[in-house]
């Protein structure tokens, strides 16, 4: 199946065609909400603790009122129930979208949270490092702001959507977004990493990028295999003298970049990371 037959809307599993969102929905009007994109493999929700920690921190920052029964365990069980209903237990992409209740114009009248869970089957290629390196470039049409909300996976995704459209027009694989200081923030659906002299570097969250789950996983685990990793600021010029560039997210894990602008890159460290930390035992 290319699309999920059932969705879970506020705890009720219904046919996808029966799900409804009001025209007054605040997420539709203002992007008022957030989401998590997660991966199911062999019936297991990968990196679940990281996902739910990020989600509930985001809900607190966005001032959502969360009913007491909506806990990480509750959402975890709802997700697994839906994947079974859609027969997606083997390998699937999950999207958990949180949106605020209706009411108010720019200022919300009702802070209560609502949710929708969707699942889609994934190709087995998502469980291995990409054979063909990505070709990427910089999208100049939008800047990622650096504020208290820039690290959240917000439902306001306009800059990334426009970057993804530009990528398609350019016939490349992904695009890097810059912050107002013309430094690296992240990519359309991924965090950005570079390798220089065996050291891995990635932009600090203060640079405007999303607080990615695979990013956090690598920050926590790379030292365990003897690889130094540093959060810092990165410029386009630094990427152009790097030995390797790779992108990460929860669905693809790690993807290596073959070319950025006119520079070609190797993938030795990226392959090592993929084998030892990301795609092992999947």
Protein backbone atom coordinates (compact mmCIF):
# COMPACT_ATOMS: atom_id res chain seq x y z
CA UNK A 1 0.00 0.00 0.00
CA UNK A 2 1.33 3.43 -0.92
CA UNK A 3 -0.98 5.25 1.48
CA UNK A 4 -2.34 4.36 4.87
CA UNK A 5 -5.88 2.97 4.83
CA UNK A 6 -6.53 4.03 8.42
CA UNK A 7 -5.49 6.99 10.54
CA UNK A 8 -5.75 7.66 14.25
CA UNK A 9 -7.48 10.94 15.05
CA UNK A 10 -7.53 11.81 18.74
CA UNK A 11 -7.41 8.15 19.78
CA UNK A 12 -9.97 6.81 17.29
CA UNK A 13 -8.82 4.62 14.41
CA UNK A 14 -10.88 5.55 11.35
CA UNK A 15 -10.64 5.23 7.60
CA UNK A 16 -8.38 7.87 6.11
CA UNK A 17 -11.23 9.16 3.95
CA UNK A 18 -13.34 9.77 7.08
CA UNK A 19 -10.83 12.00 8.86
CA UNK A 20 -11.90 15.64 9.02
CA UNK A 21 -10.17 18.91 9.81
CA UNK A 22 -12.19 22.11 10.21
CA UNK A 23 -11.59 25.10 7.94
CA UNK A 24 -10.98 26.97 11.21
CA UNK A 25 -8.14 24.62 12.16
CA UNK A 26 -5.31 26.70 13.60
CA UNK A 27 -2.61 24.52 12.10
CA UNK A 28 -4.11 25.09 8.64
CA UNK A 29 -4.44 28.83 9.24
CA UNK A 30 -1.24 29.62 11.10
CA UNK A 31 0.96 26.52 11.27
CA UNK A 32 0.05 26.37 14.97
CA UNK A 33 1.39 22.97 15.97
CA UNK A 34 4.24 20.53 15.56
CA UNK A 35 4.91 17.00 14.39
CA UNK A 36 7.16 13.98 14.75
CA UNK A 37 8.32 11.79 11.88
CA UNK A 38 9.25 8.35 13.18
CA UNK A 39 10.32 4.98 11.83
CA UNK A 40 8.89 1.54 12.50
CA UNK A 41 11.16 -1.45 11.91
CA UNK A 42 10.08 -5.03 12.65
CA UNK A 43 7.27 -3.79 14.88
CA UNK A 44 9.51 -1.49 16.91
CA UNK A 45 9.34 2.30 17.08
CA UNK A 46 12.96 3.37 16.70
CA UNK A 47 14.50 5.95 19.08
CA UNK A 48 11.09 6.35 20.72
CA UNK A 49 12.43 7.94 23.93
CA UNK A 50 14.18 10.69 21.95
CA UNK A 51 11.08 11.36 19.86
CA UNK A 52 8.70 11.69 22.78
CA UNK A 53 11.11 13.77 24.82
CA UNK A 54 11.40 16.23 21.93
CA UNK A 55 7.64 16.20 21.33
CA UNK A 56 6.66 17.02 24.91
CA UNK A 57 9.34 19.71 25.19
CA UNK A 58 7.93 21.24 22.00
CA UNK A 59 4.37 21.12 23.35
CA UNK A 60 5.49 22.88 26.50
CA UNK A 61 7.32 25.57 24.57
CA UNK A 62 4.30 26.07 22.29
CA UNK A 63 2.02 26.33 25.36
CA UNK A 64 -0.27 23.43 24.48
CA UNK A 65 -2.61 22.06 27.10
CA UNK A 66 -2.02 18.31 27.03
CA UNK A 67 -4.64 16.02 28.61
CA UNK A 68 -3.21 13.87 31.36
CA UNK A 69 -3.88 10.63 29.47
CA UNK A 70 -1.70 11.71 26.53
CA UNK A 71 1.62 10.31 27.68
CA UNK A 72 4.57 8.88 25.76
CA UNK A 73 3.32 5.36 26.53
CA UNK A 74 -0.19 6.18 25.30
CA UNK A 75 1.07 7.65 22.02
CA UNK A 76 3.52 4.77 21.58
CA UNK A 77 0.70 2.24 21.90
CA UNK A 78 -1.56 4.21 19.55
CA UNK A 79 1.17 4.25 16.90
CA UNK A 80 1.82 0.51 17.13
CA UNK A 81 -1.91 -0.22 16.98
CA UNK A 82 -2.25 1.81 13.79
CA UNK A 83 0.76 0.20 12.11
CA UNK A 84 -0.76 -3.20 12.76
CA UNK A 85 -4.14 -2.07 11.42
CA UNK A 86 -2.47 -0.81 8.24
CA UNK A 87 -0.18 -3.87 8.04
CA UNK A 88 2.87 -1.63 8.18
CA UNK A 89 4.71 -3.35 11.04
CA UNK A 90 7.65 -4.49 8.90
CA UNK A 91 8.99 -1.10 7.83
CA UNK A 92 7.06 2.16 7.94
CA UNK A 93 7.16 5.90 8.23
CA UNK A 94 4.96 7.40 10.96
CA UNK A 95 3.82 11.00 11.21
CA UNK A 96 2.31 12.23 14.46
CA UNK A 97 0.83 15.70 13.96
CA UNK A 98 -0.23 17.88 16.89
CA UNK A 99 -2.60 20.79 16.30
CA UNK A 100 -4.39 23.21 18.58
CA UNK A 101 -8.16 23.25 19.05
CA UNK A 102 -10.20 25.81 17.13
CA UNK A 103 -10.90 29.30 18.41
CA UNK A 104 -9.51 32.77 18.13
CA UNK A 105 -7.83 34.56 15.28
CA UNK A 106 -4.12 35.16 15.77
CA UNK A 107 -4.42 34.60 19.51
CA UNK A 108 -5.73 31.12 20.41
CA UNK A 109 -8.78 30.84 22.66
CA UNK A 110 -8.39 27.12 23.31
CA UNK A 111 -4.94 25.67 24.05
CA UNK A 112 -6.03 22.02 24.06
CA UNK A 113 -4.03 19.67 21.84
CA UNK A 114 -5.36 17.32 19.16
CA UNK A 115 -3.44 14.71 17.19
CA UNK A 116 -3.47 12.67 14.00
CA UNK A 117 -1.27 9.62 13.39
CA UNK A 118 -0.56 8.38 9.86
CA UNK A 119 1.62 5.54 8.56
CA UNK A 120 3.15 4.65 5.20
CA UNK A 121 5.15 1.65 4.02
CA UNK A 122 8.86 2.21 3.42
CA UNK A 123 11.19 0.67 0.89
CA UNK A 124 13.96 -1.58 2.22
CA UNK A 125 16.48 0.89 0.81
CA UNK A 126 15.74 3.02 3.86
CA UNK A 127 17.63 0.47 5.95
CA UNK A 128 20.97 0.93 4.21
CA UNK A 129 23.40 3.67 3.25
CA UNK A 130 22.62 5.21 -0.12
CA UNK A 131 24.75 3.68 -2.90
CA UNK A 132 24.72 6.80 -5.03
CA UNK A 133 25.93 9.90 -3.25
CA UNK A 134 23.63 12.90 -3.05
CA UNK A 135 24.09 16.05 -5.08
CA UNK A 136 23.20 19.15 -3.03
CA UNK A 137 23.45 22.92 -3.15
CA UNK A 138 22.39 26.00 -1.18
CA UNK A 139 18.84 27.36 -1.42
CA UNK A 140 19.05 31.14 -1.30
CA UNK A 141 15.32 31.88 -1.37
CA UNK A 142 14.71 31.66 2.39
CA UNK A 143 16.61 31.97 5.65
CA UNK A 144 16.08 29.92 8.80
CA UNK A 145 15.62 32.20 11.78
CA UNK A 146 17.54 31.60 14.99
CA UNK A 147 15.06 31.89 17.86
CA UNK A 148 13.37 29.89 20.63
CA UNK A 149 11.22 28.02 18.10
CA UNK A 150 13.64 27.32 15.26
CA UNK A 151 14.61 23.86 16.57
CA UNK A 152 10.98 22.65 16.69
CA UNK A 153 9.47 20.54 13.90
CA UNK A 154 6.77 23.14 13.41
CA UNK A 155 3.71 22.73 11.19
CA UNK A 156 4.83 26.02 9.62
CA UNK A 157 7.20 24.48 7.09
CA UNK A 158 7.15 27.04 4.30
CA UNK A 159 10.90 27.63 3.94
CA UNK A 160 11.57 23.89 3.67
CA UNK A 161 8.70 23.37 1.22
CA UNK A 162 10.04 26.09 -1.06
CA UNK A 163 13.56 24.66 -0.81
CA UNK A 164 12.25 21.20 -1.71
CA UNK A 165 10.44 22.64 -4.73
CA UNK A 166 13.66 24.36 -5.83
CA UNK A 167 15.56 21.08 -5.43
CA UNK A 168 13.12 19.39 -7.80
CA UNK A 169 13.47 22.19 -10.33
CA UNK A 170 17.27 21.99 -10.16
CA UNK A 171 17.17 18.19 -10.52
CA UNK A 172 19.38 17.65 -7.47
CA UNK A 173 18.79 15.68 -4.28
CA UNK A 174 18.62 18.18 -1.42
CA UNK A 175 19.32 21.76 -0.44
CA UNK A 176 21.04 23.44 2.48
CA UNK A 177 19.28 26.34 4.17
CA UNK A 178 21.25 29.19 5.69
CA UNK A 179 20.47 31.33 8.71
CA UNK A 180 20.40 35.17 8.63
CA UNK A 181 24.16 35.17 9.24
CA UNK A 182 24.68 33.11 6.05
CA UNK A 183 25.84 30.11 8.06
CA UNK A 184 24.54 26.56 7.75
CA UNK A 185 21.25 25.82 9.53
CA UNK A 186 20.13 22.47 8.09
CA UNK A 187 18.73 20.89 4.92
CA UNK A 188 15.16 20.45 3.68
CA UNK A 189 14.46 17.29 5.67
CA UNK A 190 17.78 16.62 7.39
CA UNK A 191 20.56 17.85 9.61
CA UNK A 192 23.93 18.59 8.04
CA UNK A 193 27.28 17.13 9.09
CA UNK A 194 30.79 17.52 7.73
CA UNK A 195 33.96 15.53 8.35
CA UNK A 196 37.39 17.13 8.35
CA UNK A 197 40.56 15.29 9.43
CA UNK A 198 38.43 12.59 11.07
CA UNK A 199 36.40 15.03 13.21
CA UNK A 200 32.65 15.29 12.67
CA UNK A 201 31.06 18.74 12.93
CA UNK A 202 27.43 19.83 12.84
CA UNK A 203 25.72 23.21 13.34
CA UNK A 204 24.72 24.07 16.89
CA UNK A 205 20.98 24.40 17.47
CA UNK A 206 21.55 28.12 18.03
CA UNK A 207 22.28 28.27 14.27
CA UNK A 208 18.59 27.72 13.46
CA UNK A 209 18.41 24.05 12.51
CA UNK A 210 15.88 21.45 13.62
CA UNK A 211 16.71 19.46 16.75
CA UNK A 212 16.92 16.22 14.79
CA UNK A 213 16.56 12.82 16.45
CA UNK A 214 19.31 11.12 14.43
CA UNK A 215 21.46 14.18 15.07
CA UNK A 216 21.04 13.66 18.81
CA UNK A 217 21.66 9.94 18.45
CA UNK A 218 25.02 10.62 16.78
CA UNK A 219 25.97 13.28 19.33
CA UNK A 220 25.37 10.76 22.10
CA UNK A 221 26.95 7.71 20.47
CA UNK A 222 29.80 8.73 18.18
CA UNK A 223 32.25 9.11 21.09
CA UNK A 224 31.54 5.45 21.94
CA UNK A 225 33.21 4.37 18.68
CA UNK A 226 36.09 6.79 19.01
CA UNK A 227 34.85 9.53 16.68
CA UNK A 228 35.00 13.10 17.91
CA UNK A 229 31.92 15.21 17.18
CA UNK A 230 31.58 18.95 17.69
CA UNK A 231 28.59 21.30 17.65
CA UNK A 232 29.68 24.60 16.18
CA UNK A 233 28.92 27.15 13.47
CA UNK A 234 29.62 26.12 9.88
CA UNK A 235 29.97 28.17 6.72
CA UNK A 236 29.63 27.24 3.08
CA UNK A 237 33.38 27.74 2.71
CA UNK A 238 34.02 25.18 5.46
CA UNK A 239 31.83 22.63 3.69
CA UNK A 240 33.81 23.22 0.51
CA UNK A 241 37.06 22.16 2.19
CA UNK A 242 35.53 19.22 4.10
CA UNK A 243 36.55 15.62 3.42
CA UNK A 244 32.97 14.35 3.70
CA UNK A 245 29.44 15.69 4.05
CA UNK A 246 26.46 13.64 5.18
CA UNK A 247 22.81 14.29 6.04
CA UNK A 248 20.73 12.61 8.72
CA UNK A 249 17.09 12.13 9.65
CA UNK A 250 14.97 9.52 11.38
CA UNK A 251 13.73 7.85 8.21
CA UNK A 252 16.87 7.56 6.08
CA UNK A 253 19.37 7.43 8.92
CA UNK A 254 22.57 8.61 7.23
CA UNK A 255 22.97 9.65 3.59
CA UNK A 256 26.33 10.57 2.13
CA UNK A 257 26.84 13.54 -0.16
CA UNK A 258 28.81 12.98 -3.34
CA UNK A 259 28.84 16.57 -4.57
CA UNK A 260 28.23 20.02 -3.08
CA UNK A 261 28.51 22.79 -5.64
CA UNK A 262 31.59 21.81 -7.67
CA UNK A 263 33.30 19.77 -4.92
CA UNK A 264 33.25 15.96 -4.79
CA UNK A 265 33.47 14.05 -1.48
CA UNK A 266 34.46 10.65 -0.14
CA UNK A 267 32.39 8.64 2.35
CA UNK A 268 34.79 6.61 4.51
CA UNK A 269 33.74 7.98 7.92
CA UNK A 270 30.11 8.18 6.83
CA UNK A 271 30.13 4.50 5.89
CA UNK A 272 31.71 3.62 9.23
CA UNK A 273 29.04 5.56 11.11
CA UNK A 274 26.30 3.93 9.09
CA UNK A 275 27.56 0.41 9.73
CA UNK A 276 28.36 0.82 13.42
CA UNK A 277 25.56 3.06 14.67
CA UNK A 278 22.72 3.67 12.28
CA UNK A 279 21.88 0.75 10.02
CA UNK A 280 23.20 -2.05 12.20
CA UNK A 281 20.64 -4.70 13.24
CA UNK A 282 17.81 -3.00 11.34
